[in-house]
C-alpha atoms as a PDB file:
ATOM      1  CA  MET A   1       0.000   0.000   0.000  1.00  0.00           C
ATOM      2  CA  SER A   2       1.237   3.497  -0.773  1.00  0.00           C
ATOM      3  CA  ILE A   3       0.081   6.654   0.995  1.00  0.00           C
ATOM      4  CA  LYS A   4       0.486   9.994  -0.729  1.00  0.00           C
ATOM      5  CA  LEU A   5      -0.975  13.490  -0.885  1.00  0.00           C
ATOM      6  CA  ILE A   6      -3.746  13.993  -3.406  1.00  0.00           C
ATOM      7  CA  THR A   7      -2.432  16.136  -6.227  1.00  0.00           C
ATOM      8  CA  ASP A   8      -4.886  15.049  -8.888  1.00  0.00           C
ATOM      9  CA  GLY A   9      -7.315  12.212  -9.499  1.00  0.00           C
ATOM     10  CA  PHE A  10      -8.561   9.375  -7.366  1.00  0.00           C
ATOM     11  CA  PRO A  11      -6.940   6.476  -5.473  1.00  0.00           C
ATOM     12  CA  GLU A  12      -5.716   3.582  -7.571  1.00  0.00           C
ATOM     13  CA  ASP A  13      -5.470  -0.051  -6.438  1.00  0.00           C
ATOM     14  CA  ASN A  14      -3.782  -0.461  -3.069  1.00  0.00           C
ATOM     15  CA  GLU A  15      -3.336   3.312  -2.659  1.00  0.00           C
ATOM     16  CA  VAL A  16      -4.451   5.669   0.117  1.00  0.00           C
ATOM     17  CA  LEU A  17      -4.517   9.415  -0.551  1.00  0.00           C
ATOM     18  CA  VAL A  18      -4.134  12.216   1.985  1.00  0.00           C
ATOM     19  CA  ASP A  19      -6.698  14.852   1.057  1.00  0.00           C
ATOM     20  CA  GLU A  20      -5.678  17.668   3.371  1.00  0.00           C
ATOM     21  CA  ILE A  21      -2.842  18.525   5.749  1.00  0.00           C
ATOM     22  CA  GLN A  22      -3.377  20.982   8.583  1.00  0.00           C
ATOM     23  CA  VAL A  23      -0.924  22.066  11.288  1.00  0.00           C
ATOM     24  CA  LYS A  24      -1.709  24.580  14.037  1.00  0.00           C
ATOM     25  CA  TYR A  25       1.241  26.439  15.590  1.00  0.00           C
ATOM     26  CA  LEU A  26       1.023  28.314  18.903  1.00  0.00           C
ATOM     27  CA  GLN A  27       3.184  31.028  20.421  1.00  0.00           C
ATOM     28  CA  GLY A  28       2.960  33.151  23.525  1.00  0.00           C
ATOM     29  CA  PRO A  29       1.168  36.488  23.561  1.00  0.00           C
ATOM     30  CA  ASP A  30       2.642  39.633  22.086  1.00  0.00           C
ATOM     31  CA  ASN A  31       4.533  41.259  24.975  1.00  0.00           C
ATOM     32  CA  CYS A  32       3.153  44.668  24.071  1.00  0.00           C
ATOM     33  CA  SER A  33      -0.483  43.568  23.939  1.00  0.00           C
ATOM     34  CA  GLY A  34      -1.030  42.977  27.643  1.00  0.00           C
ATOM     35  CA  GLU A  35      -3.097  39.885  26.749  1.00  0.00           C
ATOM     36  CA  ASP A  36      -2.561  36.433  28.219  1.00  0.00           C
ATOM     37  CA  ASP A  37      -3.883  34.425  25.272  1.00  0.00           C
ATOM     38  CA  PHE A  38      -1.663  32.446  22.935  1.00  0.00           C
ATOM     39  CA  GLN A  39      -1.419  33.356  19.266  1.00  0.00           C
ATOM     40  CA  GLU A  40      -2.360  30.750  16.652  1.00  0.00           C
ATOM     41  CA  LEU A  41      -1.148  30.253  13.102  1.00  0.00           C
ATOM     42  CA  THR A  42      -2.669  27.448  11.040  1.00  0.00           C
ATOM     43  CA  LEU A  43      -1.214  26.253   7.743  1.00  0.00           C
ATOM     44  CA  LEU A  44      -3.296  23.896   5.661  1.00  0.00           C
ATOM     45  CA  THR A  45      -3.490  22.567   2.152  1.00  0.00           C
ATOM     46  CA  LYS A  46      -6.470  23.537   0.027  1.00  0.00           C
ATOM     47  CA  ASP A  47      -7.593  22.805  -3.496  1.00  0.00           C
ATOM     48  CA  GLY A  48      -9.502  25.522  -5.299  1.00  0.00           C
ATOM     49  CA  GLY A  49      -9.967  23.385  -8.391  1.00  0.00           C
ATOM     50  CA  GLY A  50      -6.602  24.199  -9.932  1.00  0.00           C
ATOM     51  CA  GLY A  51      -4.449  22.078  -7.637  1.00  0.00           C
ATOM     52  CA  LYS A  52      -3.124  22.236  -4.087  1.00  0.00           C
ATOM     53  CA  TYR A  53      -2.004  25.443  -2.435  1.00  0.00           C
ATOM     54  CA  ILE A  54      -1.156  26.438   1.136  1.00  0.00           C
ATOM     55  CA  ASN A  55      -3.632  28.528   3.114  1.00  0.00           C
ATOM     56  CA  LEU A  56      -2.643  30.553   6.208  1.00  0.00           C
ATOM     57  CA  LYS A  57      -5.060  31.415   9.016  1.00  0.00           C
ATOM     58  CA  THR A  58      -4.444  33.280  12.238  1.00  0.00           C
ATOM     59  CA  GLY A  59      -6.403  32.967  15.439  1.00  0.00           C
ATOM     60  CA  GLU A  60      -8.321  35.672  17.225  1.00  0.00           C
ATOM     61  CA  HIS A  61      -5.125  37.380  18.381  1.00  0.00           C
ATOM     62  CA  GLY A  62      -3.225  37.205  15.102  1.00  0.00           C
ATOM     63  CA  TRP A  63       0.401  36.095  14.843  1.00  0.00           C
ATOM     64  CA  SER A  64       3.114  38.638  15.662  1.00  0.00           C
ATOM     65  CA  ILE A  65       6.609  38.578  14.196  1.00  0.00           C
ATOM     66  CA  SER A  66       9.452  41.046  14.452  1.00  0.00           C
ATOM     67  CA  ASP A  67      11.237  39.786  11.323  1.00  0.00           C
ATOM     68  CA  GLU A  68      10.126  37.767   8.300  1.00  0.00           C
ATOM     69  CA  LYS A  69      12.813  35.223   9.207  1.00  0.00           C
ATOM     70  CA  ASP A  70      10.655  34.281  12.213  1.00  0.00           C
ATOM     71  CA  LEU A  71       8.386  32.409   9.797  1.00  0.00           C
ATOM     72  CA  GLU A  72      11.132  30.355   8.117  1.00  0.00           C
ATOM     73  CA  PRO A  73      11.205  27.510  10.699  1.00  0.00           C
ATOM     74  CA  ILE A  74       7.410  27.205  10.516  1.00  0.00           C
ATOM     75  CA  PHE A  75       7.366  27.037   6.719  1.00  0.00           C
ATOM     76  CA  LYS A  76      10.260  24.541   6.712  1.00  0.00           C
ATOM     77  CA  HIS A  77       8.414  22.329   9.201  1.00  0.00           C
ATOM     78  CA  PHE A  78       5.170  22.430   7.222  1.00  0.00           C
ATOM     79  CA  LYS A  79       7.047  21.771   3.982  1.00  0.00           C
ATOM     80  CA  SER A  80       8.665  18.675   5.512  1.00  0.00           C
ATOM     81  CA  ILE A  81       5.229  17.319   6.472  1.00  0.00           C
ATOM     82  CA  TYR A  82       3.824  18.170   3.050  1.00  0.00           C
ATOM     83  CA  GLU A  83       6.721  16.547   1.210  1.00  0.00           C
ATOM     84  CA  SER A  84       6.667  13.425   3.369  1.00  0.00           C
ATOM     85  CA  ASN A  85       3.013  12.920   2.356  1.00  0.00           C
ATOM     86  CA  SER A  86       3.619  13.715  -1.315  1.00  0.00           C
ATOM     87  CA  SER A  87       5.962  10.880  -2.176  1.00  0.00           C
ATOM     88  CA  THR A  88       5.423   8.006   0.258  1.00  0.00           C
END
């Protein structure tokens, strides 16, 4: 049996397809906000009819960064999950 991410089509014999991948990341509150709630960032795969793409969602309190490089480890982690489900 092979398991892989759906990129197009339907499962073939002895094949299981992963339809969607979703990962929710959490970080502490923004120090300047005075709030105690964690911040959420969700990355998930979607298909709008033209193939898979990655969708980003933030929780109620957004997701604060001080530099765009703060997002690199998150994107690398999600990419590793995505790729491991694309070619198994």
